[in-house]
N, C-alpha and C. Protein backbone atom coordinates (compact mmCIF):
# COMPACT_ATOMS: atom_id res chain seq x y z
N MET A 1 11.44 18.05 2.54
CA MET A 1 10.71 18.79 1.52
C MET A 1 9.79 17.81 0.80
N ASN A 2 8.55 18.23 0.55
CA ASN A 2 7.56 17.42 -0.14
C ASN A 2 7.28 18.00 -1.52
N ALA A 3 6.39 17.32 -2.27
CA ALA A 3 6.03 17.77 -3.61
C ALA A 3 4.55 18.12 -3.66
N CYS A 4 4.23 19.13 -4.47
CA CYS A 4 2.83 19.51 -4.69
C CYS A 4 2.10 18.34 -5.35
N PRO A 5 0.92 17.94 -4.84
CA PRO A 5 0.20 16.83 -5.44
C PRO A 5 -0.36 17.15 -6.83
N SER A 6 -0.40 18.43 -7.19
CA SER A 6 -0.93 18.82 -8.49
C SER A 6 0.15 18.92 -9.57
N CYS A 7 1.25 19.65 -9.26
CA CYS A 7 2.25 19.90 -10.30
C CYS A 7 3.62 19.28 -10.01
N GLY A 8 3.82 18.78 -8.78
CA GLY A 8 5.08 18.11 -8.45
C GLY A 8 6.20 19.04 -8.00
N THR A 9 5.94 20.34 -7.92
CA THR A 9 6.95 21.30 -7.48
C THR A 9 7.30 21.05 -6.01
N PRO A 10 8.58 21.14 -5.65
CA PRO A 10 8.94 20.99 -4.23
C PRO A 10 8.22 22.03 -3.37
N VAL A 11 7.69 21.56 -2.22
CA VAL A 11 6.92 22.42 -1.32
C VAL A 11 7.46 22.23 0.09
N GLU A 12 7.62 23.33 0.81
CA GLU A 12 8.06 23.26 2.21
C GLU A 12 7.05 22.46 3.03
N GLN A 13 7.53 21.82 4.09
CA GLN A 13 6.70 20.95 4.93
C GLN A 13 5.41 21.61 5.40
N ASN A 14 5.45 22.86 5.85
CA ASN A 14 4.27 23.52 6.41
C ASN A 14 3.68 24.60 5.50
N ALA A 15 3.93 24.50 4.20
CA ALA A 15 3.42 25.50 3.25
C ALA A 15 1.90 25.43 3.16
N ASP A 16 1.28 26.60 2.98
CA ASP A 16 -0.18 26.68 2.81
C ASP A 16 -0.59 26.52 1.36
N ALA A 17 0.34 26.85 0.44
CA ALA A 17 0.02 26.78 -0.98
C ALA A 17 1.29 26.46 -1.76
N CYS A 18 1.11 25.88 -2.94
CA CYS A 18 2.23 25.57 -3.83
C CYS A 18 2.78 26.88 -4.41
N PRO A 19 4.11 27.09 -4.37
CA PRO A 19 4.67 28.33 -4.89
C PRO A 19 4.59 28.42 -6.42
N GLU A 20 4.41 27.28 -7.10
CA GLU A 20 4.37 27.27 -8.57
C GLU A 20 2.95 27.43 -9.11
N CYS A 21 2.04 26.53 -8.69
CA CYS A 21 0.68 26.53 -9.27
C CYS A 21 -0.36 27.18 -8.37
N GLY A 22 0.00 27.44 -7.09
CA GLY A 22 -0.92 28.10 -6.18
C GLY A 22 -1.94 27.19 -5.52
N LEU A 23 -1.85 25.87 -5.74
CA LEU A 23 -2.79 24.93 -5.12
C LEU A 23 -2.76 25.09 -3.61
N LYS A 24 -3.94 25.29 -3.01
CA LYS A 24 -4.01 25.38 -1.55
C LYS A 24 -3.77 24.00 -0.97
N LEU A 25 -2.88 23.92 0.00
CA LEU A 25 -2.54 22.66 0.64
C LEU A 25 -3.18 22.61 2.02
N ALA A 26 -4.01 21.62 2.24
CA ALA A 26 -4.66 21.44 3.55
C ALA A 26 -3.80 20.48 4.35
N GLY A 27 -3.09 20.97 5.34
CA GLY A 27 -2.20 20.12 6.12
C GLY A 27 -0.92 19.87 5.36
N THR A 28 -0.17 18.91 5.79
CA THR A 28 1.10 18.62 5.15
C THR A 28 0.94 17.52 4.12
N THR A 29 1.77 17.56 3.10
CA THR A 29 1.79 16.48 2.12
C THR A 29 2.78 15.43 2.58
N GLN A 30 2.59 14.22 2.13
CA GLN A 30 3.47 13.14 2.53
C GLN A 30 3.94 12.39 1.31
N SER A 31 5.09 11.76 1.41
CA SER A 31 5.57 10.92 0.32
C SER A 31 5.87 9.54 0.89
N PHE A 32 5.78 8.55 0.03
CA PHE A 32 5.99 7.17 0.43
C PHE A 32 6.86 6.48 -0.59
N GLN A 33 7.59 5.49 -0.15
CA GLN A 33 8.43 4.69 -1.04
C GLN A 33 7.59 3.61 -1.69
N PRO A 34 7.76 3.35 -3.00
CA PRO A 34 7.01 2.28 -3.63
C PRO A 34 7.44 0.92 -3.09
N VAL A 35 6.56 -0.05 -3.21
CA VAL A 35 6.86 -1.41 -2.78
C VAL A 35 7.93 -1.98 -3.72
N SER A 36 8.93 -2.61 -3.15
CA SER A 36 9.99 -3.21 -3.96
C SER A 36 9.48 -4.48 -4.64
N ALA A 37 10.20 -4.94 -5.64
CA ALA A 37 9.83 -6.17 -6.33
C ALA A 37 9.83 -7.34 -5.35
N GLU A 38 10.77 -7.32 -4.39
CA GLU A 38 10.84 -8.40 -3.40
C GLU A 38 9.59 -8.40 -2.53
N ALA A 39 9.11 -7.21 -2.15
CA ALA A 39 7.91 -7.12 -1.34
C ALA A 39 6.70 -7.62 -2.13
N ALA A 40 6.64 -7.28 -3.41
CA ALA A 40 5.53 -7.74 -4.25
C ALA A 40 5.53 -9.26 -4.34
N GLU A 41 6.72 -9.86 -4.47
CA GLU A 41 6.82 -11.31 -4.51
C GLU A 41 6.38 -11.93 -3.19
N ALA A 42 6.77 -11.30 -2.08
CA ALA A 42 6.37 -11.81 -0.76
C ALA A 42 4.86 -11.75 -0.60
N ILE A 43 4.25 -10.68 -1.09
CA ILE A 43 2.80 -10.56 -1.01
C ILE A 43 2.14 -11.61 -1.88
N ALA A 44 2.71 -11.88 -3.05
CA ALA A 44 2.15 -12.90 -3.93
C ALA A 44 2.16 -14.27 -3.25
N GLU A 45 3.08 -14.46 -2.31
CA GLU A 45 3.17 -15.73 -1.62
C GLU A 45 2.06 -15.92 -0.58
N PHE A 46 1.19 -14.90 -0.39
CA PHE A 46 0.05 -15.07 0.51
C PHE A 46 -0.87 -16.16 -0.01
N GLY A 47 -0.73 -16.52 -1.24
CA GLY A 47 -1.55 -17.56 -1.85
C GLY A 47 -1.89 -17.19 -3.28
N ASP A 48 -2.39 -18.17 -4.01
CA ASP A 48 -2.78 -17.92 -5.39
C ASP A 48 -3.98 -17.01 -5.42
N THR A 49 -4.04 -16.16 -6.42
CA THR A 49 -5.21 -15.30 -6.57
C THR A 49 -6.07 -15.86 -7.69
N GLU A 50 -7.36 -15.79 -7.51
CA GLU A 50 -8.29 -16.31 -8.50
C GLU A 50 -8.66 -15.25 -9.52
N GLY A 51 -8.25 -14.05 -9.33
CA GLY A 51 -8.57 -12.98 -10.25
C GLY A 51 -7.84 -11.74 -9.83
N PRO A 52 -8.08 -10.63 -10.48
CA PRO A 52 -7.40 -9.39 -10.08
C PRO A 52 -7.72 -9.04 -8.63
N VAL A 53 -6.68 -8.65 -7.90
CA VAL A 53 -6.83 -8.35 -6.48
C VAL A 53 -5.83 -7.28 -6.07
N LEU A 54 -6.22 -6.44 -5.12
CA LEU A 54 -5.31 -5.50 -4.47
C LEU A 54 -5.03 -6.06 -3.09
N VAL A 55 -3.75 -6.18 -2.74
CA VAL A 55 -3.35 -6.69 -1.42
C VAL A 55 -2.65 -5.55 -0.68
N VAL A 56 -3.17 -5.19 0.49
CA VAL A 56 -2.58 -4.10 1.27
C VAL A 56 -1.23 -4.56 1.81
N SER A 57 -0.18 -3.82 1.47
CA SER A 57 1.17 -4.16 1.90
C SER A 57 1.71 -3.18 2.94
N LYS A 58 1.02 -2.05 3.12
CA LYS A 58 1.42 -1.07 4.13
C LYS A 58 0.18 -0.31 4.56
N GLY A 59 -0.02 -0.23 5.88
CA GLY A 59 -1.18 0.46 6.42
C GLY A 59 -1.88 -0.43 7.43
N ALA A 60 -2.93 0.10 8.04
CA ALA A 60 -3.61 -0.59 9.12
C ALA A 60 -4.26 -1.90 8.69
N GLU A 61 -4.55 -2.04 7.43
CA GLU A 61 -5.24 -3.25 6.93
C GLU A 61 -4.27 -4.20 6.24
N MET A 62 -3.00 -4.19 6.63
CA MET A 62 -1.96 -4.98 5.95
C MET A 62 -2.39 -6.45 5.78
N GLY A 63 -2.24 -6.95 4.56
CA GLY A 63 -2.59 -8.32 4.24
C GLY A 63 -4.01 -8.48 3.73
N GLU A 64 -4.86 -7.46 3.93
CA GLU A 64 -6.24 -7.56 3.45
C GLU A 64 -6.27 -7.54 1.93
N ARG A 65 -7.18 -8.33 1.36
CA ARG A 65 -7.32 -8.43 -0.09
C ARG A 65 -8.64 -7.83 -0.53
N PHE A 66 -8.59 -7.11 -1.64
CA PHE A 66 -9.78 -6.55 -2.25
C PHE A 66 -9.85 -7.07 -3.69
N TYR A 67 -10.76 -8.03 -3.92
CA TYR A 67 -10.90 -8.61 -5.26
C TYR A 67 -11.64 -7.63 -6.16
N ILE A 68 -11.18 -7.54 -7.40
CA ILE A 68 -11.70 -6.56 -8.35
C ILE A 68 -12.63 -7.26 -9.32
N ASP A 69 -13.93 -6.98 -9.18
CA ASP A 69 -14.93 -7.55 -10.08
C ASP A 69 -15.05 -6.67 -11.32
N GLU A 70 -15.81 -7.15 -12.31
CA GLU A 70 -16.09 -6.35 -13.50
C GLU A 70 -16.76 -5.05 -13.07
N GLY A 71 -16.49 -3.99 -13.78
CA GLY A 71 -17.10 -2.69 -13.48
C GLY A 71 -16.18 -1.85 -12.61
N ASP A 72 -16.78 -0.91 -11.89
CA ASP A 72 -16.02 0.04 -11.08
C ASP A 72 -16.08 -0.30 -9.60
N MET A 73 -14.97 -0.01 -8.91
CA MET A 73 -14.85 -0.23 -7.47
C MET A 73 -14.32 1.08 -6.87
N SER A 74 -15.10 1.69 -5.98
CA SER A 74 -14.70 2.96 -5.37
C SER A 74 -13.76 2.71 -4.20
N ILE A 75 -12.79 3.62 -4.05
CA ILE A 75 -11.83 3.57 -2.94
C ILE A 75 -11.86 4.91 -2.25
N GLY A 76 -12.01 4.90 -0.91
CA GLY A 76 -12.01 6.16 -0.20
C GLY A 76 -12.28 6.02 1.28
N ARG A 77 -12.32 7.17 1.94
CA ARG A 77 -12.56 7.25 3.38
C ARG A 77 -14.05 7.25 3.70
N ASP A 78 -14.90 7.39 2.70
CA ASP A 78 -16.34 7.31 2.91
C ASP A 78 -16.70 5.86 3.22
N PRO A 79 -17.41 5.61 4.33
CA PRO A 79 -17.74 4.23 4.70
C PRO A 79 -18.55 3.48 3.64
N SER A 80 -19.19 4.20 2.72
CA SER A 80 -19.93 3.51 1.66
C SER A 80 -19.04 3.09 0.49
N SER A 81 -17.75 3.41 0.53
CA SER A 81 -16.82 3.01 -0.53
C SER A 81 -16.70 1.49 -0.58
N ASP A 82 -16.46 0.96 -1.78
CA ASP A 82 -16.24 -0.48 -1.92
C ASP A 82 -14.99 -0.89 -1.16
N VAL A 83 -13.96 -0.05 -1.22
CA VAL A 83 -12.73 -0.25 -0.44
C VAL A 83 -12.64 0.92 0.53
N PHE A 84 -12.98 0.66 1.78
CA PHE A 84 -13.00 1.70 2.82
C PHE A 84 -11.62 1.74 3.48
N LEU A 85 -10.91 2.87 3.32
CA LEU A 85 -9.60 3.07 3.92
C LEU A 85 -9.74 4.20 4.95
N ASN A 86 -9.80 3.83 6.20
CA ASN A 86 -10.13 4.76 7.27
C ASN A 86 -8.88 5.48 7.77
N ASP A 87 -8.51 6.56 7.09
CA ASP A 87 -7.38 7.39 7.50
C ASP A 87 -7.55 8.76 6.87
N VAL A 88 -7.14 9.82 7.60
CA VAL A 88 -7.31 11.19 7.10
C VAL A 88 -6.47 11.49 5.86
N THR A 89 -5.47 10.66 5.54
CA THR A 89 -4.67 10.88 4.33
C THR A 89 -5.40 10.41 3.08
N VAL A 90 -6.55 9.77 3.26
CA VAL A 90 -7.36 9.27 2.15
C VAL A 90 -8.57 10.18 2.00
N SER A 91 -8.84 10.64 0.77
CA SER A 91 -10.02 11.47 0.53
C SER A 91 -11.28 10.61 0.63
N ARG A 92 -12.41 11.27 0.89
CA ARG A 92 -13.67 10.52 1.01
C ARG A 92 -13.95 9.72 -0.26
N ARG A 93 -13.76 10.32 -1.39
CA ARG A 93 -13.91 9.65 -2.68
C ARG A 93 -12.57 9.80 -3.39
N HIS A 94 -11.64 8.92 -3.07
CA HIS A 94 -10.25 9.09 -3.48
C HIS A 94 -9.99 8.63 -4.92
N ALA A 95 -10.41 7.40 -5.24
CA ALA A 95 -10.09 6.84 -6.55
C ALA A 95 -11.12 5.79 -6.93
N VAL A 96 -11.08 5.40 -8.20
CA VAL A 96 -11.94 4.33 -8.71
C VAL A 96 -11.05 3.36 -9.48
N VAL A 97 -11.22 2.07 -9.20
CA VAL A 97 -10.54 1.04 -9.97
C VAL A 97 -11.59 0.42 -10.88
N GLY A 98 -11.30 0.39 -12.17
CA GLY A 98 -12.25 -0.16 -13.13
C GLY A 98 -11.68 -1.40 -13.80
N ARG A 99 -12.55 -2.36 -14.03
CA ARG A 99 -12.12 -3.60 -14.68
C ARG A 99 -13.08 -3.95 -15.81
N VAL A 100 -12.49 -4.22 -16.97
CA VAL A 100 -13.21 -4.78 -18.11
C VAL A 100 -12.39 -5.97 -18.58
N GLY A 101 -12.91 -7.17 -18.35
CA GLY A 101 -12.16 -8.38 -18.68
C GLY A 101 -10.89 -8.43 -17.85
N ASP A 102 -9.75 -8.58 -18.51
CA ASP A 102 -8.45 -8.63 -17.82
C ASP A 102 -7.81 -7.25 -17.70
N HIS A 103 -8.46 -6.22 -18.23
CA HIS A 103 -7.90 -4.86 -18.23
C HIS A 103 -8.36 -4.12 -16.98
N VAL A 104 -7.39 -3.65 -16.15
CA VAL A 104 -7.71 -2.94 -14.91
C VAL A 104 -7.03 -1.58 -14.93
N THR A 105 -7.81 -0.53 -14.60
CA THR A 105 -7.27 0.82 -14.54
C THR A 105 -7.62 1.45 -13.20
N VAL A 106 -6.83 2.44 -12.81
CA VAL A 106 -7.14 3.24 -11.62
C VAL A 106 -7.29 4.68 -12.08
N LEU A 107 -8.30 5.37 -11.52
CA LEU A 107 -8.60 6.75 -11.86
C LEU A 107 -8.71 7.54 -10.58
N ASP A 108 -7.86 8.57 -10.43
CA ASP A 108 -7.93 9.44 -9.26
C ASP A 108 -9.21 10.28 -9.37
N SER A 109 -9.91 10.44 -8.25
CA SER A 109 -11.19 11.16 -8.24
C SER A 109 -11.02 12.60 -7.73
N GLY A 110 -9.88 13.22 -8.03
CA GLY A 110 -9.63 14.58 -7.56
C GLY A 110 -9.22 14.62 -6.10
N SER A 111 -8.53 13.59 -5.65
CA SER A 111 -8.12 13.49 -4.25
C SER A 111 -7.12 14.58 -3.88
N LEU A 112 -7.04 14.88 -2.58
CA LEU A 112 -6.13 15.91 -2.11
C LEU A 112 -4.67 15.44 -2.16
N ASN A 113 -4.40 14.22 -1.71
CA ASN A 113 -3.02 13.72 -1.62
C ASN A 113 -2.57 12.93 -2.85
N GLY A 114 -3.43 12.73 -3.83
CA GLY A 114 -3.05 12.06 -5.06
C GLY A 114 -3.10 10.55 -4.97
N THR A 115 -3.06 9.93 -6.13
CA THR A 115 -3.02 8.48 -6.30
C THR A 115 -1.73 8.16 -7.02
N TYR A 116 -0.97 7.22 -6.48
CA TYR A 116 0.36 6.91 -7.00
C TYR A 116 0.42 5.46 -7.49
N VAL A 117 0.99 5.28 -8.67
CA VAL A 117 1.26 3.95 -9.20
C VAL A 117 2.77 3.86 -9.39
N ASN A 118 3.37 2.92 -8.69
CA ASN A 118 4.83 2.74 -8.74
C ASN A 118 5.57 4.03 -8.42
N GLY A 119 5.04 4.79 -7.47
CA GLY A 119 5.69 6.00 -7.00
C GLY A 119 5.44 7.24 -7.83
N VAL A 120 4.63 7.14 -8.88
CA VAL A 120 4.34 8.26 -9.76
C VAL A 120 2.89 8.69 -9.56
N CYS A 121 2.68 9.98 -9.31
CA CYS A 121 1.33 10.50 -9.14
C CYS A 121 0.60 10.46 -10.48
N VAL A 122 -0.59 9.85 -10.51
CA VAL A 122 -1.31 9.67 -11.76
C VAL A 122 -2.75 10.16 -11.63
N ASP A 123 -3.31 10.60 -12.75
CA ASP A 123 -4.74 10.87 -12.84
C ASP A 123 -5.45 9.59 -13.24
N LYS A 124 -4.80 8.82 -14.15
CA LYS A 124 -5.34 7.56 -14.63
C LYS A 124 -4.17 6.69 -15.04
N ALA A 125 -4.25 5.38 -14.74
CA ALA A 125 -3.17 4.48 -15.13
C ALA A 125 -3.71 3.06 -15.29
N ASP A 126 -3.13 2.34 -16.23
CA ASP A 126 -3.40 0.92 -16.38
C ASP A 126 -2.55 0.18 -15.36
N LEU A 127 -3.11 -0.86 -14.75
CA LEU A 127 -2.37 -1.64 -13.75
C LEU A 127 -1.91 -2.95 -14.35
N SER A 128 -0.66 -3.30 -14.03
CA SER A 128 -0.08 -4.59 -14.41
C SER A 128 0.29 -5.33 -13.14
N SER A 129 0.31 -6.64 -13.21
CA SER A 129 0.61 -7.44 -12.03
C SER A 129 1.94 -7.02 -11.41
N GLY A 130 1.92 -6.80 -10.08
CA GLY A 130 3.11 -6.38 -9.35
C GLY A 130 3.19 -4.88 -9.14
N ASP A 131 2.30 -4.11 -9.79
CA ASP A 131 2.32 -2.65 -9.60
C ASP A 131 1.96 -2.29 -8.16
N SER A 132 2.57 -1.22 -7.68
CA SER A 132 2.28 -0.68 -6.35
C SER A 132 1.28 0.46 -6.50
N LEU A 133 0.19 0.42 -5.73
CA LEU A 133 -0.81 1.47 -5.72
C LEU A 133 -0.79 2.12 -4.36
N GLN A 134 -0.53 3.44 -4.32
CA GLN A 134 -0.44 4.20 -3.06
C GLN A 134 -1.63 5.13 -2.97
N ILE A 135 -2.42 4.96 -1.91
CA ILE A 135 -3.56 5.83 -1.65
C ILE A 135 -3.44 6.26 -0.19
N GLY A 136 -3.14 7.55 0.03
CA GLY A 136 -2.89 8.02 1.38
C GLY A 136 -1.73 7.24 1.98
N MET A 137 -1.91 6.77 3.22
CA MET A 137 -0.83 6.02 3.86
C MET A 137 -0.85 4.54 3.49
N PHE A 138 -1.83 4.13 2.70
CA PHE A 138 -1.98 2.72 2.33
C PHE A 138 -1.23 2.41 1.04
N GLN A 139 -0.45 1.33 1.07
CA GLN A 139 0.17 0.81 -0.14
C GLN A 139 -0.47 -0.53 -0.43
N MET A 140 -0.79 -0.73 -1.69
CA MET A 140 -1.37 -1.99 -2.13
C MET A 140 -0.60 -2.49 -3.34
N VAL A 141 -0.51 -3.80 -3.46
CA VAL A 141 0.11 -4.40 -4.64
C VAL A 141 -1.01 -5.00 -5.46
N PHE A 142 -0.99 -4.71 -6.77
CA PHE A 142 -1.97 -5.27 -7.68
C PHE A 142 -1.45 -6.60 -8.20
N LEU A 143 -2.24 -7.64 -8.04
CA LEU A 143 -1.92 -8.96 -8.57
C LEU A 143 -3.01 -9.33 -9.57
N ALA A 144 -2.60 -9.61 -10.81
CA ALA A 144 -3.58 -9.83 -11.89
C ALA A 144 -4.24 -11.19 -11.80
N GLY A 145 -3.61 -12.17 -11.16
CA GLY A 145 -4.17 -13.51 -11.16
C GLY A 145 -3.68 -14.29 -12.37
N PRO A 146 -4.05 -15.54 -12.49
CA PRO A 146 -3.50 -16.40 -13.54
C PRO A 146 -3.83 -15.97 -14.96
N LYS A 147 -4.97 -15.29 -15.18
CA LYS A 147 -5.34 -14.88 -16.53
C LYS A 147 -5.14 -13.40 -16.73
N GLY A 148 -4.49 -12.69 -15.77
CA GLY A 148 -4.42 -11.24 -15.78
C GLY A 148 -3.41 -10.63 -16.71
N ALA A 149 -3.38 -9.30 -16.62
CA ALA A 149 -2.49 -8.50 -17.47
C ALA A 149 -1.07 -8.57 -17.02
C-alpha cells in the first residue's frame, strides 16, 4: 500500500485516484526509505566539500555531486534543468533548491510524486547537513560544507 502524494492517505497500488482528496494518480506511487545516518557519513567520506552540495546516494547517478551556488537551482527531468534527473519518477520541473549565504531550502514545484526531506513529503523545507532529499527514485544527501548550516 502506498500513500497519496497530496494528502498522505493510504492508496491501493493500482488506484486511479486518492479515496480521500480525489487527486488523480498517474501510474503507481512509490515510497523510499530515507538514507541512514551511517550512509550520510559514508557519503561525506567521498571527500571534503567546499560548499553546499547534494550527493546522489541512490539512483543511476550515484556518487555524482551537485554544488549549490547562490540563487536558485532547478531539479527535474527536463534536460534544461540545472540538475537533470533522467527518470519517469521525476517531474519535468520537479523542485527548486535555493541558496542565500549558508541558508539552503528546497521547494517542490508541484511535482506528481512529491519531494521528500528525511522521508517526509514537503512543499518547502530548510536543509541541514546530513538531510536526505528524495526526488523520484533518486536519493541525495545534503552536505553543508565547512561553513554550512
